[in-house]
Amino acid sequence: MLWLANLSGEPQRLKVKGFDGPARLDVLDEKSFEAAVHDPAWLDSDSTFIRKVGTFELPSYGIVRIKSA
């Protein structure tokens, strides 16, 4: 499992290595914050499944959790 945070006001393009196979991607940002604070199980229910971890964009001030599936 890997947690990453963007501490800047600009989106950041990331390239992540070290994960083999599919993974779950959870992003907490201004779009998902309200759902997350109202649902204690949000982190386990609103995942995006990806085939391979590679390059993605992390929104400004966003937090991402990458977990092997």
PDB file of N, CA and C in Angstrom:
ATOM      1  N   MET A   1       0.840  -1.160   0.000  1.00  0.00           N
ATOM      2  CA  MET A   1       0.000   0.000   0.000  1.00  0.00           C
ATOM      3  C   MET A   1       0.893   1.234   0.000  1.00  0.00           C
ATOM      4  N   LEU A   2       0.460   2.248  -0.752  1.00  0.00           N
ATOM      5  CA  LEU A   2       1.225   3.483  -0.861  1.00  0.00           C
ATOM      6  C   LEU A   2       0.266   4.666  -0.750  1.00  0.00           C
ATOM      7  N   TRP A   3       0.623   5.617   0.086  1.00  0.00           N
ATOM      8  CA  TRP A   3      -0.132   6.862   0.217  1.00  0.00           C
ATOM      9  C   TRP A   3       0.728   7.988  -0.351  1.00  0.00           C
ATOM     10  N   LEU A   4       0.112   8.871  -1.156  1.00  0.00           N
ATOM     11  CA  LEU A   4       0.809  10.027  -1.710  1.00  0.00           C
ATOM     12  C   LEU A   4      -0.060  11.262  -1.511  1.00  0.00           C
ATOM     13  N   ALA A   5       0.568  12.401  -1.284  1.00  0.00           N
ATOM     14  CA  ALA A   5      -0.170  13.650  -1.111  1.00  0.00           C
ATOM     15  C   ALA A   5       0.449  14.731  -1.981  1.00  0.00           C
ATOM     16  N   ASN A   6      -0.394  15.531  -2.580  1.00  0.00           N
ATOM     17  CA  ASN A   6       0.050  16.688  -3.341  1.00  0.00           C
ATOM     18  C   ASN A   6      -0.124  17.903  -2.447  1.00  0.00           C
ATOM     19  N   LEU A   7       0.954  18.489  -2.014  1.00  0.00           N
ATOM     20  CA  LEU A   7       0.906  19.620  -1.094  1.00  0.00           C
ATOM     21  C   LEU A   7       0.923  20.960  -1.821  1.00  0.00           C
ATOM     22  N   SER A   8       0.762  20.915  -3.134  1.00  0.00           N
ATOM     23  CA  SER A   8       0.787  22.147  -3.919  1.00  0.00           C
ATOM     24  C   SER A   8      -0.605  22.479  -4.449  1.00  0.00           C
ATOM     25  N   GLY A   9      -0.770  23.693  -4.917  1.00  0.00           N
ATOM     26  CA  GLY A   9      -2.028  24.139  -5.485  1.00  0.00           C
ATOM     27  C   GLY A   9      -2.196  23.788  -6.944  1.00  0.00           C
ATOM     28  N   GLU A  10      -1.265  23.034  -7.502  1.00  0.00           N
ATOM     29  CA  GLU A  10      -1.317  22.633  -8.907  1.00  0.00           C
ATOM     30  C   GLU A  10      -1.389  21.114  -9.019  1.00  0.00           C
ATOM     31  N   PRO A  11      -2.138  20.577  -9.993  1.00  0.00           N
ATOM     32  CA  PRO A  11      -2.141  19.122 -10.209  1.00  0.00           C
ATOM     33  C   PRO A  11      -0.727  18.641 -10.529  1.00  0.00           C
ATOM     34  N   GLN A  12      -0.416  17.428 -10.101  1.00  0.00           N
ATOM     35  CA  GLN A  12       0.911  16.846 -10.339  1.00  0.00           C
ATOM     36  C   GLN A  12       0.776  15.539 -11.096  1.00  0.00           C
ATOM     37  N   ARG A  13       1.606  15.355 -12.108  1.00  0.00           N
ATOM     38  CA  ARG A  13       1.635  14.107 -12.870  1.00  0.00           C
ATOM     39  C   ARG A  13       2.642  13.191 -12.190  1.00  0.00           C
ATOM     40  N   LEU A  14       2.216  11.978 -11.849  1.00  0.00           N
ATOM     41  CA  LEU A  14       3.068  11.035 -11.120  1.00  0.00           C
ATOM     42  C   LEU A  14       3.291   9.767 -11.921  1.00  0.00           C
ATOM     43  N   LYS A  15       4.463   9.197 -11.755  1.00  0.00           N
ATOM     44  CA  LYS A  15       4.758   7.883 -12.318  1.00  0.00           C
ATOM     45  C   LYS A  15       5.161   6.998 -11.151  1.00  0.00           C
ATOM     46  N   VAL A  16       4.403   5.931 -10.946  1.00  0.00           N
ATOM     47  CA  VAL A  16       4.624   5.042  -9.810  1.00  0.00           C
ATOM     48  C   VAL A  16       5.102   3.697 -10.314  1.00  0.00           C
ATOM     49  N   LYS A  17       6.145   3.179  -9.683  1.00  0.00           N
ATOM     50  CA  LYS A  17       6.685   1.855 -10.026  1.00  0.00           C
ATOM     51  C   LYS A  17       6.666   0.980  -8.783  1.00  0.00           C
ATOM     52  N   GLY A  18       6.745  -0.327  -8.977  1.00  0.00           N
ATOM     53  CA  GLY A  18       6.859  -1.241  -7.853  1.00  0.00           C
ATOM     54  C   GLY A  18       5.605  -2.042  -7.570  1.00  0.00           C
ATOM     55  N   PHE A  19       4.533  -1.803  -8.316  1.00  0.00           N
ATOM     56  CA  PHE A  19       3.306  -2.576  -8.169  1.00  0.00           C
ATOM     57  C   PHE A  19       3.168  -3.506  -9.363  1.00  0.00           C
ATOM     58  N   ASP A  20       3.014  -4.782  -9.098  1.00  0.00           N
ATOM     59  CA  ASP A  20       2.793  -5.751 -10.167  1.00  0.00           C
ATOM     60  C   ASP A  20       1.316  -6.099 -10.206  1.00  0.00           C
ATOM     61  N   GLY A  21       0.715  -5.975 -11.375  1.00  0.00           N
ATOM     62  CA  GLY A  21      -0.678  -6.367 -11.523  1.00  0.00           C
ATOM     63  C   GLY A  21      -1.656  -5.278 -11.137  1.00  0.00           C
ATOM     64  N   PRO A  22      -2.911  -5.669 -10.956  1.00  0.00           N
ATOM     65  CA  PRO A  22      -3.976  -4.695 -10.696  1.00  0.00           C
ATOM     66  C   PRO A  22      -3.884  -4.075  -9.304  1.00  0.00           C
ATOM     67  N   ALA A  23      -4.562  -2.936  -9.176  1.00  0.00           N
ATOM     68  CA  ALA A  23      -4.556  -2.228  -7.899  1.00  0.00           C
ATOM     69  C   ALA A  23      -5.853  -1.441  -7.734  1.00  0.00           C
ATOM     70  N   ARG A  24      -6.092  -1.021  -6.504  1.00  0.00           N
ATOM     71  CA  ARG A  24      -7.211  -0.128  -6.180  1.00  0.00           C
ATOM     72  C   ARG A  24      -6.631   1.262  -5.982  1.00  0.00           C
ATOM     73  N   LEU A  25      -7.302   2.246  -6.563  1.00  0.00           N
ATOM     74  CA  LEU A  25      -6.853   3.624  -6.480  1.00  0.00           C
ATOM     75  C   LEU A  25      -7.959   4.439  -5.816  1.00  0.00           C
ATOM     76  N   ASP A  26      -7.649   5.081  -4.700  1.00  0.00           N
ATOM     77  CA  ASP A  26      -8.604   5.921  -3.978  1.00  0.00           C
ATOM     78  C   ASP A  26      -8.049   7.334  -3.908  1.00  0.00           C
ATOM     79  N   VAL A  27      -8.818   8.300  -4.395  1.00  0.00           N
ATOM     80  CA  VAL A  27      -8.378   9.691  -4.409  1.00  0.00           C
ATOM     81  C   VAL A  27      -9.306  10.519  -3.525  1.00  0.00           C
ATOM     82  N   LEU A  28      -8.719  11.230  -2.588  1.00  0.00           N
ATOM     83  CA  LEU A  28      -9.465  12.166  -1.751  1.00  0.00           C
ATOM     84  C   LEU A  28      -9.083  13.565  -2.197  1.00  0.00           C
ATOM     85  N   ASP A  29     -10.066  14.299  -2.713  1.00  0.00           N
ATOM     86  CA  ASP A  29      -9.847  15.663  -3.175  1.00  0.00           C
ATOM     87  C   ASP A  29     -11.102  16.482  -2.935  1.00  0.00           C
ATOM     88  N   GLU A  30     -11.180  17.668  -3.527  1.00  0.00           N
ATOM     89  CA  GLU A  30     -12.342  18.524  -3.285  1.00  0.00           C
ATOM     90  C   GLU A  30     -13.632  17.922  -3.820  1.00  0.00           C
ATOM     91  N   LYS A  31     -13.550  17.019  -4.790  1.00  0.00           N
ATOM     92  CA  LYS A  31     -14.744  16.380  -5.347  1.00  0.00           C
ATOM     93  C   LYS A  31     -15.255  15.242  -4.462  1.00  0.00           C
ATOM     94  N   SER A  32     -14.367  14.559  -3.786  1.00  0.00           N
ATOM     95  CA  SER A  32     -14.764  13.391  -3.001  1.00  0.00           C
ATOM     96  C   SER A  32     -14.813  13.656  -1.494  1.00  0.00           C
ATOM     97  N   PHE A  33     -14.368  14.814  -1.055  1.00  0.00           N
ATOM     98  CA  PHE A  33     -14.264  15.093   0.374  1.00  0.00           C
ATOM     99  C   PHE A  33     -15.595  14.958   1.113  1.00  0.00           C
ATOM    100  N   GLU A  34     -16.653  15.557   0.572  1.00  0.00           N
ATOM    101  CA  GLU A  34     -17.937  15.525   1.272  1.00  0.00           C
ATOM    102  C   GLU A  34     -18.456  14.098   1.434  1.00  0.00           C
ATOM    103  N   ALA A  35     -18.350  13.289   0.391  1.00  0.00           N
ATOM    104  CA  ALA A  35     -18.775  11.888   0.496  1.00  0.00           C
ATOM    105  C   ALA A  35     -17.941  11.149   1.537  1.00  0.00           C
ATOM    106  N   ALA A  36     -16.655  11.450   1.580  1.00  0.00           N
ATOM    107  CA  ALA A  36     -15.760  10.769   2.523  1.00  0.00           C
ATOM    108  C   ALA A  36     -16.089  11.101   3.977  1.00  0.00           C
ATOM    109  N   VAL A  37     -16.427  12.345   4.271  1.00  0.00           N
ATOM    110  CA  VAL A  37     -16.700  12.708   5.663  1.00  0.00           C
ATOM    111  C   VAL A  37     -18.067  12.229   6.134  1.00  0.00           C
ATOM    112  N   HIS A  38     -18.964  11.918   5.209  1.00  0.00           N
ATOM    113  CA  HIS A  38     -20.298  11.439   5.589  1.00  0.00           C
ATOM    114  C   HIS A  38     -20.408   9.915   5.606  1.00  0.00           C
ATOM    115  N   ASP A  39     -19.410   9.230   5.106  1.00  0.00           N
ATOM    116  CA  ASP A  39     -19.464   7.767   5.024  1.00  0.00           C
ATOM    117  C   ASP A  39     -18.170   7.169   5.570  1.00  0.00           C
ATOM    118  N   PRO A  40     -18.187   6.603   6.775  1.00  0.00           N
ATOM    119  CA  PRO A  40     -16.975   6.031   7.361  1.00  0.00           C
ATOM    120  C   PRO A  40     -16.358   4.914   6.522  1.00  0.00           C
ATOM    121  N   ALA A  41     -17.156   4.268   5.684  1.00  0.00           N
ATOM    122  CA  ALA A  41     -16.646   3.177   4.842  1.00  0.00           C
ATOM    123  C   ALA A  41     -16.276   3.658   3.441  1.00  0.00           C
ATOM    124  N   TRP A  42     -16.234   4.970   3.223  1.00  0.00           N
ATOM    125  CA  TRP A  42     -15.970   5.519   1.893  1.00  0.00           C
ATOM    126  C   TRP A  42     -14.677   4.971   1.286  1.00  0.00           C
ATOM    127  N   LEU A  43     -13.649   4.906   2.067  1.00  0.00           N
ATOM    128  CA  LEU A  43     -12.353   4.471   1.551  1.00  0.00           C
ATOM    129  C   LEU A  43     -12.394   3.051   1.007  1.00  0.00           C
ATOM    130  N   ASP A  44     -13.263   2.229   1.518  1.00  0.00           N
ATOM    131  CA  ASP A  44     -13.371   0.853   1.051  1.00  0.00           C
ATOM    132  C   ASP A  44     -14.464   0.663   0.008  1.00  0.00           C
ATOM    133  N   SER A  45     -15.240   1.718  -0.283  1.00  0.00           N
ATOM    134  CA  SER A  45     -16.359   1.536  -1.196  1.00  0.00           C
ATOM    135  C   SER A  45     -16.275   2.348  -2.477  1.00  0.00           C
ATOM    136  N   ASP A  46     -15.393   3.307  -2.565  1.00  0.00           N
ATOM    137  CA  ASP A  46     -15.350   4.193  -3.732  1.00  0.00           C
ATOM    138  C   ASP A  46     -14.039   4.076  -4.498  1.00  0.00           C
ATOM    139  N   SER A  47     -13.515   2.880  -4.632  1.00  0.00           N
ATOM    140  CA  SER A  47     -12.231   2.660  -5.292  1.00  0.00           C
ATOM    141  C   SER A  47     -12.379   2.588  -6.801  1.00  0.00           C
ATOM    142  N   THR A  48     -11.316   2.975  -7.475  1.00  0.00           N
ATOM    143  CA  THR A  48     -11.189   2.767  -8.909  1.00  0.00           C
ATOM    144  C   THR A  48     -10.218   1.608  -9.092  1.00  0.00           C
ATOM    145  N   PHE A  49     -10.621   0.597  -9.842  1.00  0.00           N
ATOM    146  CA  PHE A  49      -9.739  -0.546 -10.091  1.00  0.00           C
ATOM    147  C   PHE A  49      -8.967  -0.310 -11.382  1.00  0.00           C
ATOM    148  N   ILE A  50      -7.659  -0.479 -11.312  1.00  0.00           N
ATOM    149  CA  ILE A  50      -6.816  -0.299 -12.492  1.00  0.00           C
ATOM    150  C   ILE A  50      -6.025  -1.570 -12.738  1.00  0.00           C
ATOM    151  N   ARG A  51      -5.771  -1.849 -14.007  1.00  0.00           N
ATOM    152  CA  ARG A  51      -5.041  -3.075 -14.376  1.00  0.00           C
ATOM    153  C   ARG A  51      -3.574  -3.021 -13.998  1.00  0.00           C
ATOM    154  N   LYS A  52      -3.002  -1.828 -14.159  1.00  0.00           N
ATOM    155  CA  LYS A  52      -1.584  -1.675 -13.873  1.00  0.00           C
ATOM    156  C   LYS A  52      -1.338  -0.262 -13.366  1.00  0.00           C
ATOM    157  N   VAL A  53      -0.565  -0.147 -12.308  1.00  0.00           N
ATOM    158  CA  VAL A  53      -0.212   1.164 -11.774  1.00  0.00           C
ATOM    159  C   VAL A  53       0.873   1.757 -12.662  1.00  0.00           C
ATOM    160  N   GLY A  54       0.676   2.975 -13.068  1.00  0.00           N
ATOM    161  CA  GLY A  54       1.650   3.631 -13.937  1.00  0.00           C
ATOM    162  C   GLY A  54       1.651   5.117 -13.687  1.00  0.00           C
ATOM    163  N   THR A  55       1.235   5.874 -14.692  1.00  0.00           N
ATOM    164  CA  THR A  55       1.218   7.321 -14.617  1.00  0.00           C
ATOM    165  C   THR A  55      -0.208   7.818 -14.408  1.00  0.00           C
ATOM    166  N   PHE A  56      -0.377   8.768 -13.515  1.00  0.00           N
ATOM    167  CA  PHE A  56      -1.688   9.361 -13.292  1.00  0.00           C
ATOM    168  C   PHE A  56      -1.508  10.776 -12.754  1.00  0.00           C
ATOM    169  N   GLU A  57      -2.597  11.533 -12.715  1.00  0.00           N
ATOM    170  CA  GLU A  57      -2.550  12.904 -12.218  1.00  0.00           C
ATOM    171  C   GLU A  57      -3.173  12.982 -10.832  1.00  0.00           C
ATOM    172  N   LEU A  58      -2.453  13.601  -9.933  1.00  0.00           N
ATOM    173  CA  LEU A  58      -2.935  13.817  -8.570  1.00  0.00           C
ATOM    174  C   LEU A  58      -3.415  15.264  -8.472  1.00  0.00           C
ATOM    175  N   PRO A  59      -4.697  15.472  -8.140  1.00  0.00           N
ATOM    176  CA  PRO A  59      -5.235  16.836  -8.085  1.00  0.00           C
ATOM    177  C   PRO A  59      -4.528  17.692  -7.042  1.00  0.00           C
ATOM    178  N   SER A  60      -4.667  18.999  -7.182  1.00  0.00           N
ATOM    179  CA  SER A  60      -4.064  19.908  -6.204  1.00  0.00           C
ATOM    180  C   SER A  60      -4.609  19.598  -4.810  1.00  0.00           C
ATOM    181  N   TYR A  61      -3.717  19.530  -3.860  1.00  0.00           N
ATOM    182  CA  TYR A  61      -4.021  19.206  -2.460  1.00  0.00           C
ATOM    183  C   TYR A  61      -4.736  17.859  -2.302  1.00  0.00           C
ATOM    184  N   GLY A  62      -4.599  16.999  -3.274  1.00  0.00           N
ATOM    185  CA  GLY A  62      -5.248  15.677  -3.210  1.00  0.00           C
ATOM    186  C   GLY A  62      -4.375  14.644  -2.520  1.00  0.00           C
ATOM    187  N   ILE A  63      -5.029  13.594  -2.064  1.00  0.00           N
ATOM    188  CA  ILE A  63      -4.371  12.463  -1.427  1.00  0.00           C
ATOM    189  C   ILE A  63      -4.802  11.208  -2.168  1.00  0.00           C
ATOM    190  N   VAL A  64      -3.868  10.313  -2.405  1.00  0.00           N
ATOM    191  CA  VAL A  64      -4.209   9.077  -3.099  1.00  0.00           C
ATOM    192  C   VAL A  64      -3.678   7.882  -2.299  1.00  0.00           C
ATOM    193  N   ARG A  65      -4.472   6.809  -2.300  1.00  0.00           N
ATOM    194  CA  ARG A  65      -4.033   5.537  -1.723  1.00  0.00           C
ATOM    195  C   ARG A  65      -4.018   4.530  -2.860  1.00  0.00           C
ATOM    196  N   ILE A  66      -2.890   3.869  -3.032  1.00  0.00           N
ATOM    197  CA  ILE A  66      -2.770   2.806  -4.038  1.00  0.00           C
ATOM    198  C   ILE A  66      -2.571   1.510  -3.268  1.00  0.00           C
ATOM    199  N   LYS A  67      -3.424   0.544  -3.554  1.00  0.00           N
ATOM    200  CA  LYS A  67      -3.400  -0.726  -2.819  1.00  0.00           C
ATOM    201  C   LYS A  67      -3.465  -1.859  -3.825  1.00  0.00           C
ATOM    202  N   SER A  68      -2.563  -2.831  -3.713  1.00  0.00           N
ATOM    203  CA  SER A  68      -2.605  -4.002  -4.602  1.00  0.00           C
ATOM    204  C   SER A  68      -3.946  -4.702  -4.461  1.00  0.00           C
ATOM    205  N   ALA A  69      -4.505  -5.074  -5.609  1.00  0.00           N
ATOM    206  CA  ALA A  69      -5.831  -5.716  -5.597  1.00  0.00           C
ATOM    207  C   ALA A  69      -5.721  -7.199  -5.309  1.00  0.00           C
TER     208      ALA A  69
END
